[in-house]
């Protein structure tokens, strides 16, 4: 089975869109990470049915290797194994201390078993804590406006209308200066909620590199920006990547109106699913367990409820759940270790963060 390195961005993204691949496997995402210390390599097996964007980060003579939301598996064991072997060879060539994969596969879904089996047979170790959000809420947006609205909670529908009544205006970004306003909104939110954000230059680069596949919206009240959001839509998947608001924006429910505009843009751009990009993992486990058979699970439910309630981002879950999507939880991370001391040091540093 031939595995080749791809250098044609149009060909790569066309195959990604056709196969329904994740935006983090798009050419633009690799180019974005390249500007911040990573080296992207794009590999595919055969005609591209199986493919992976591999990111390598050199550091002091060794490196970390990472495939975010990938590889994209073909379902054919021989093809997928050939791609995996090529990823490993390239990682070793680049002196990677370890290789991490975070597949875009739903836990318990039809691809769960085959992917776990292939990675286990290839001596990857399972790690529960992922770099990208493991749990999220995904909304089906391939529906008319009235059906989308009907799926929102009563409170969210009222908040969208309230923002409109209060005169909140939504406009698309016109320049990179507007991207800096997004960062200001995120900083304002960060002061209320403890979460990490990138530099203004990171978001400027993302907006520029994704081009028409990125949509930055700003909500204004009396000419002052009070909220902003950045959404990516690549092929059939849209990603609610970044957002923030001032306290005034919260009062006006500006973020609700932004979300409504962003969903409709993503649908018009061709996306059928809208990923709200991250909720506390304990809350997701609680929701998924609670939706199933509760017998014998009362102690586990109570523990998860305590963990979820203690998470400072639990209110984010309530905001995202109100849009009517389904809670999903992806597979864990899978690590292949080549130089154990560096790998264990990296895990320790992450546990301290």
Protein backbone atom coordinates (compact mmCIF):
# COMPACT_ATOMS: atom_id res chain seq x y z
CA UNK A 1 0.00 0.00 0.00
CA UNK A 2 1.54 3.28 -1.13
CA UNK A 3 1.64 6.15 1.37
CA UNK A 4 2.68 9.52 -0.02
CA UNK A 5 3.35 12.97 1.34
CA UNK A 6 0.99 15.59 -0.03
CA UNK A 7 2.17 19.07 -1.03
CA UNK A 8 -0.90 20.32 -2.92
CA UNK A 9 -3.17 22.27 -0.57
CA UNK A 10 -6.14 22.26 -2.95
CA UNK A 11 -5.98 18.51 -3.43
CA UNK A 12 -5.62 17.89 0.30
CA UNK A 13 -8.57 20.06 1.29
CA UNK A 14 -10.77 18.77 -1.52
CA UNK A 15 -10.33 15.21 -0.26
CA UNK A 16 -10.86 16.35 3.33
CA UNK A 17 -14.15 18.03 2.45
CA UNK A 18 -15.30 15.05 0.43
CA UNK A 19 -14.56 12.66 3.30
CA UNK A 20 -16.02 14.88 6.03
CA UNK A 21 -12.70 15.34 7.80
CA UNK A 22 -12.20 17.58 10.81
CA UNK A 23 -11.18 21.26 10.42
CA UNK A 24 -8.06 20.57 12.53
CA UNK A 25 -6.91 18.30 9.72
CA UNK A 26 -7.27 21.08 7.12
CA UNK A 27 -4.30 22.60 5.34
CA UNK A 28 -4.99 25.98 6.94
CA UNK A 29 -4.80 24.52 10.44
CA UNK A 30 -1.38 23.05 9.70
CA UNK A 31 -0.26 26.39 8.29
CA UNK A 32 -1.52 28.14 11.41
CA UNK A 33 0.42 25.83 13.72
CA UNK A 34 3.48 26.24 11.50
CA UNK A 35 3.58 29.92 12.40
CA UNK A 36 3.80 28.99 16.07
CA UNK A 37 6.56 26.41 16.17
CA UNK A 38 5.10 23.28 14.60
CA UNK A 39 6.11 21.61 11.32
CA UNK A 40 3.14 20.13 9.41
CA UNK A 41 3.38 16.98 7.27
CA UNK A 42 0.44 15.64 5.30
CA UNK A 43 0.33 11.92 4.53
CA UNK A 44 -2.24 9.80 2.81
CA UNK A 45 -2.61 6.18 1.82
CA UNK A 46 -3.78 5.14 -1.61
CA UNK A 47 -6.21 7.73 -2.97
CA UNK A 48 -6.49 9.58 0.30
CA UNK A 49 -9.18 7.44 1.91
CA UNK A 50 -6.87 7.32 4.94
CA UNK A 51 -4.96 10.50 5.73
CA UNK A 52 -3.26 12.36 8.56
CA UNK A 53 -1.86 15.81 9.14
CA UNK A 54 1.09 15.23 11.45
CA UNK A 55 2.49 18.13 13.47
CA UNK A 56 6.09 17.97 14.69
CA UNK A 57 7.48 20.36 17.31
CA UNK A 58 11.29 20.26 17.71
CA UNK A 59 12.71 21.04 21.13
CA UNK A 60 16.34 20.71 22.29
CA UNK A 61 17.33 17.93 19.95
CA UNK A 62 14.15 15.89 20.26
CA UNK A 63 10.55 16.55 19.24
CA UNK A 64 6.89 15.93 19.97
CA UNK A 65 4.67 14.46 17.23
CA UNK A 66 0.93 15.04 17.24
CA UNK A 67 -2.08 14.30 15.03
CA UNK A 68 -5.03 16.47 16.18
CA UNK A 69 -8.47 15.05 15.42
CA UNK A 70 -6.98 12.39 13.21
CA UNK A 71 -5.94 10.33 11.38
CA UNK A 72 -8.89 10.03 9.07
CA UNK A 73 -9.41 6.29 8.84
CA UNK A 74 -10.56 4.44 5.71
CA UNK A 75 -12.09 1.46 7.52
CA UNK A 76 -9.83 -0.89 5.59
CA UNK A 77 -7.37 -2.48 8.04
CA UNK A 78 -4.52 -2.80 5.51
CA UNK A 79 -4.82 0.80 4.35
CA UNK A 80 -5.10 2.22 7.85
CA UNK A 81 -2.16 0.14 9.12
CA UNK A 82 0.00 1.36 6.24
CA UNK A 83 -0.80 4.98 7.06
CA UNK A 84 -0.11 4.43 10.75
CA UNK A 85 3.26 2.83 9.99
CA UNK A 86 4.19 5.80 7.78
CA UNK A 87 3.25 8.26 10.54
CA UNK A 88 5.47 6.37 12.96
CA UNK A 89 8.40 6.26 10.55
CA UNK A 90 8.23 9.99 9.94
CA UNK A 91 7.91 10.72 13.66
CA UNK A 92 11.00 8.65 14.41
CA UNK A 93 12.90 10.30 11.58
CA UNK A 94 12.14 13.68 13.15
CA UNK A 95 13.47 12.41 16.53
CA UNK A 96 10.08 12.45 18.23
CA UNK A 97 10.16 11.36 21.88
CA UNK A 98 6.54 10.31 21.46
CA UNK A 99 3.67 10.37 19.00
CA UNK A 100 0.17 11.33 20.09
CA UNK A 101 -3.01 10.61 18.11
CA UNK A 102 -6.40 12.07 19.04
CA UNK A 103 -8.81 10.43 16.57
CA UNK A 104 -12.00 12.13 15.46
CA UNK A 105 -14.02 9.09 16.56
CA UNK A 106 -17.02 9.02 18.92
CA UNK A 107 -16.64 6.77 21.94
CA UNK A 108 -18.99 3.81 21.57
CA UNK A 109 -19.61 4.54 17.88
CA UNK A 110 -19.16 2.14 15.00
CA UNK A 111 -15.47 3.01 14.49
CA UNK A 112 -14.53 2.80 18.18
CA UNK A 113 -13.65 -0.90 18.27
CA UNK A 114 -11.59 -1.13 15.05
CA UNK A 115 -9.56 2.00 15.90
CA UNK A 116 -8.78 0.80 19.42
CA UNK A 117 -7.79 -2.62 18.12
CA UNK A 118 -5.46 -1.23 15.45
CA UNK A 119 -3.74 1.15 17.89
CA UNK A 120 -3.45 -1.46 20.60
CA UNK A 121 -1.87 -3.90 18.15
CA UNK A 122 0.59 -1.14 17.20
CA UNK A 123 1.62 -0.69 20.87
CA UNK A 124 -0.04 2.66 21.50
CA UNK A 125 -0.99 3.37 25.10
CA UNK A 126 -4.37 4.84 25.99
CA UNK A 127 -4.41 8.19 27.84
CA UNK A 128 -7.70 9.59 29.11
CA UNK A 129 -6.70 13.27 29.19
CA UNK A 130 -6.63 14.80 25.70
CA UNK A 131 -5.17 18.03 24.35
CA UNK A 132 -8.26 18.97 22.35
CA UNK A 133 -11.67 18.96 24.08
CA UNK A 134 -12.71 15.36 24.48
CA UNK A 135 -16.35 16.18 25.15
CA UNK A 136 -18.55 18.59 23.28
CA UNK A 137 -22.05 19.34 22.03
CA UNK A 138 -22.78 18.93 18.34
CA UNK A 139 -25.81 20.44 16.65
CA UNK A 140 -27.41 19.38 13.37
CA UNK A 141 -27.77 22.65 11.45
CA UNK A 142 -28.87 21.21 8.09
CA UNK A 143 -32.43 22.35 8.82
CA UNK A 144 -34.58 25.41 8.11
CA UNK A 145 -34.48 28.31 10.55
CA UNK A 146 -37.80 27.45 12.15
CA UNK A 147 -36.65 23.89 12.93
CA UNK A 148 -33.37 25.13 14.38
CA UNK A 149 -35.19 27.64 16.58
CA UNK A 150 -37.65 24.99 17.73
CA UNK A 151 -34.72 22.92 18.97
CA UNK A 152 -33.39 25.70 21.19
CA UNK A 153 -34.43 25.91 24.80
CA UNK A 154 -37.22 28.35 25.57
CA UNK A 155 -34.72 30.56 27.37
CA UNK A 156 -32.29 30.65 24.44
CA UNK A 157 -35.03 31.60 22.00
CA UNK A 158 -36.07 34.39 24.34
CA UNK A 159 -32.48 35.58 24.71
CA UNK A 160 -31.97 35.77 20.93
CA UNK A 161 -35.12 37.89 20.65
CA UNK A 162 -34.11 40.01 23.63
CA UNK A 163 -30.78 40.91 22.03
CA UNK A 164 -32.60 41.94 18.87
CA UNK A 165 -35.09 44.05 20.85
CA UNK A 166 -32.23 45.72 22.73
CA UNK A 167 -30.81 46.87 19.41
CA UNK A 168 -27.72 44.65 19.32
CA UNK A 169 -26.23 44.75 15.84
CA UNK A 170 -24.13 41.92 14.38
CA UNK A 171 -21.54 42.53 11.70
CA UNK A 172 -18.72 40.52 10.09
CA UNK A 173 -15.11 41.51 10.69
CA UNK A 174 -13.69 44.00 8.24
CA UNK A 175 -10.00 43.96 9.18
CA UNK A 176 -7.44 42.45 11.51
CA UNK A 177 -8.23 45.24 13.95
CA UNK A 178 -11.55 43.47 14.47
CA UNK A 179 -9.67 40.27 15.31
CA UNK A 180 -7.95 42.16 18.09
CA UNK A 181 -11.41 43.10 19.38
CA UNK A 182 -12.19 39.38 19.54
CA UNK A 183 -9.14 38.96 21.73
CA UNK A 184 -10.30 41.80 23.98
CA UNK A 185 -13.67 40.07 24.38
CA UNK A 186 -11.93 36.81 25.23
CA UNK A 187 -9.76 38.55 27.80
CA UNK A 188 -12.89 40.02 29.39
CA UNK A 189 -14.40 36.53 29.59
CA UNK A 190 -11.15 35.06 30.89
CA UNK A 191 -11.29 37.41 33.85
CA UNK A 192 -14.64 35.84 34.78
CA UNK A 193 -13.81 32.25 33.79
CA UNK A 194 -10.45 30.54 34.15
CA UNK A 195 -9.49 29.25 30.70
CA UNK A 196 -6.54 29.61 28.36
CA UNK A 197 -6.44 31.80 25.27
CA UNK A 198 -3.86 32.44 22.57
CA UNK A 199 -2.19 35.72 21.62
CA UNK A 200 -3.88 38.28 19.34
CA UNK A 201 -1.43 37.25 16.60
CA UNK A 202 -2.67 33.67 16.76
CA UNK A 203 -6.27 34.68 16.03
CA UNK A 204 -5.19 37.13 13.35
CA UNK A 205 -3.29 34.32 11.62
CA UNK A 206 -6.26 31.93 11.92
CA UNK A 207 -8.66 34.47 10.42
CA UNK A 208 -6.26 35.20 7.57
CA UNK A 209 -5.25 31.61 6.76
CA UNK A 210 -8.75 30.13 6.79
CA UNK A 211 -10.03 32.86 4.49
CA UNK A 212 -13.63 32.23 3.44
CA UNK A 213 -13.80 29.23 5.78
CA UNK A 214 -13.52 31.55 8.80
CA UNK A 215 -16.30 33.84 9.96
CA UNK A 216 -15.59 36.44 12.63
CA UNK A 217 -18.69 38.17 13.94
CA UNK A 218 -18.89 41.17 16.25
CA UNK A 219 -21.94 42.27 18.24
CA UNK A 220 -22.30 45.98 18.91
CA UNK A 221 -24.48 48.04 21.19
CA UNK A 222 -24.65 51.76 20.45
CA UNK A 223 -21.53 51.44 18.33
CA UNK A 224 -19.47 49.63 20.98
CA UNK A 225 -18.37 46.02 20.52
CA UNK A 226 -19.71 43.92 23.42
CA UNK A 227 -19.16 40.37 22.11
CA UNK A 228 -17.36 38.52 19.32
CA UNK A 229 -17.02 34.97 18.01
CA UNK A 230 -14.86 33.12 15.49
CA UNK A 231 -16.28 30.09 13.68
CA UNK A 232 -14.57 27.78 11.18
CA UNK A 233 -16.47 25.75 8.58
CA UNK A 234 -14.54 23.26 6.46
CA UNK A 235 -16.65 20.94 4.36
CA UNK A 236 -19.45 19.40 6.40
CA UNK A 237 -18.07 20.36 9.84
CA UNK A 238 -18.25 23.74 11.55
CA UNK A 239 -16.32 24.60 14.69
CA UNK A 240 -17.18 27.31 17.23
CA UNK A 241 -13.52 28.06 17.88
CA UNK A 242 -13.38 31.19 20.03
CA UNK A 243 -15.71 33.73 21.62
CA UNK A 244 -15.98 36.27 24.39
CA UNK A 245 -18.06 39.14 25.70
CA UNK A 246 -18.05 42.03 28.12
CA UNK A 247 -20.40 42.19 31.10
CA UNK A 248 -22.58 44.53 29.08
CA UNK A 249 -22.69 41.92 26.33
CA UNK A 250 -23.85 39.35 28.88
CA UNK A 251 -26.66 41.63 30.02
CA UNK A 252 -27.81 42.16 26.44
CA UNK A 253 -27.52 38.42 25.56
CA UNK A 254 -25.26 39.42 22.67
CA UNK A 255 -23.52 36.02 22.60
CA UNK A 256 -26.86 34.32 21.96
CA UNK A 257 -27.50 36.50 18.94
CA UNK A 258 -23.95 35.91 17.66
CA UNK A 259 -24.44 32.16 17.95
CA UNK A 260 -27.65 32.30 15.96
CA UNK A 261 -25.96 34.28 13.18
CA UNK A 262 -22.92 31.97 13.20
CA UNK A 263 -25.01 28.82 12.85
CA UNK A 264 -26.84 30.18 9.83
CA UNK A 265 -23.59 31.28 8.21
CA UNK A 266 -22.07 27.82 8.74
CA UNK A 267 -25.13 26.17 7.19
CA UNK A 268 -24.98 28.48 4.17
CA UNK A 269 -21.27 27.67 3.89
CA UNK A 270 -22.13 23.99 3.46
CA UNK A 271 -21.72 22.60 6.98
CA UNK A 272 -24.24 20.14 8.34
CA UNK A 273 -22.88 19.80 11.87
CA UNK A 274 -21.92 22.56 14.29
CA UNK A 275 -19.46 21.66 17.04
CA UNK A 276 -19.73 23.96 20.06
CA UNK A 277 -16.17 22.88 20.91
CA UNK A 278 -15.81 21.75 24.40
CA UNK A 279 -17.69 21.15 27.63
CA UNK A 280 -16.40 19.83 30.98
CA UNK A 281 -15.71 16.13 30.55
CA UNK A 282 -17.35 15.20 33.87
CA UNK A 283 -20.55 16.90 32.73
CA UNK A 284 -20.51 14.99 29.44
CA UNK A 285 -19.99 11.68 31.22
CA UNK A 286 -22.83 12.55 33.59
CA UNK A 287 -25.17 13.42 30.72
CA UNK A 288 -24.32 10.29 28.74
CA UNK A 289 -24.57 8.01 31.76
CA UNK A 290 -27.80 9.62 32.86
CA UNK A 291 -29.30 9.10 29.40
CA UNK A 292 -28.65 5.37 29.62
CA UNK A 293 -29.34 2.70 32.17
CA UNK A 294 -28.99 4.26 35.63
CA UNK A 295 -29.23 1.00 37.54
CA UNK A 296 -26.29 0.57 39.88
CA UNK A 297 -24.81 3.89 38.83
CA UNK A 298 -26.04 6.18 41.59
CA UNK A 299 -22.64 6.52 43.29
CA UNK A 300 -20.92 7.25 39.98
CA UNK A 301 -23.58 9.78 39.05
CA UNK A 302 -23.13 11.56 42.38
CA UNK A 303 -19.35 11.71 41.95
CA UNK A 304 -19.62 13.05 38.43
CA UNK A 305 -22.16 15.64 39.55
CA UNK A 306 -19.73 16.91 42.18
CA UNK A 307 -16.87 17.05 39.65
CA UNK A 308 -19.01 18.85 37.09
CA UNK A 309 -20.38 21.38 39.57
CA UNK A 310 -16.82 22.18 40.73
CA UNK A 311 -15.64 22.92 37.20
CA UNK A 312 -15.46 26.70 36.59
CA UNK A 313 -16.65 26.13 33.02
CA UNK A 314 -19.82 24.28 33.98
CA UNK A 315 -21.87 27.37 33.18
CA UNK A 316 -20.45 27.13 29.65
CA UNK A 317 -22.14 23.74 29.40
CA UNK A 318 -25.51 25.28 30.25
CA UNK A 319 -25.04 27.92 27.57
CA UNK A 320 -24.07 25.35 24.94
CA UNK A 321 -26.68 22.74 25.89
CA UNK A 322 -29.44 25.28 25.39
CA UNK A 323 -28.95 25.16 21.62
CA UNK A 324 -30.41 21.67 21.51
CA UNK A 325 -27.46 19.64 20.27
CA UNK A 326 -26.35 16.23 21.44
CA UNK A 327 -23.56 15.57 23.92
CA UNK A 328 -20.68 13.60 22.38
CA UNK A 329 -17.49 12.19 23.86
CA UNK A 330 -14.57 11.23 21.68
CA UNK A 331 -12.02 8.51 22.12
CA UNK A 332 -9.13 9.14 24.51
CA UNK A 333 -5.65 9.98 23.29
CA UNK A 334 -3.29 7.26 22.08
CA UNK A 335 0.45 7.68 22.66
CA UNK A 336 3.37 5.78 21.14
CA UNK A 337 6.45 6.33 23.28
CA UNK A 338 9.96 6.32 21.78
CA UNK A 339 11.96 8.07 24.51
CA UNK A 340 10.35 7.44 27.88
CA UNK A 341 12.14 10.04 30.09
CA UNK A 342 11.05 12.95 27.89
CA UNK A 343 7.54 11.56 27.56
CA UNK A 344 6.99 11.11 31.29
CA UNK A 345 8.40 14.57 31.96
CA UNK A 346 5.91 16.02 29.47
CA UNK A 347 3.01 14.20 31.15
CA UNK A 348 4.16 15.47 34.53
CA UNK A 349 4.30 19.06 33.27
CA UNK A 350 0.78 18.71 31.91
CA UNK A 351 -0.52 17.35 35.21
CA UNK A 352 0.91 20.42 36.96
CA UNK A 353 -0.82 22.84 34.58
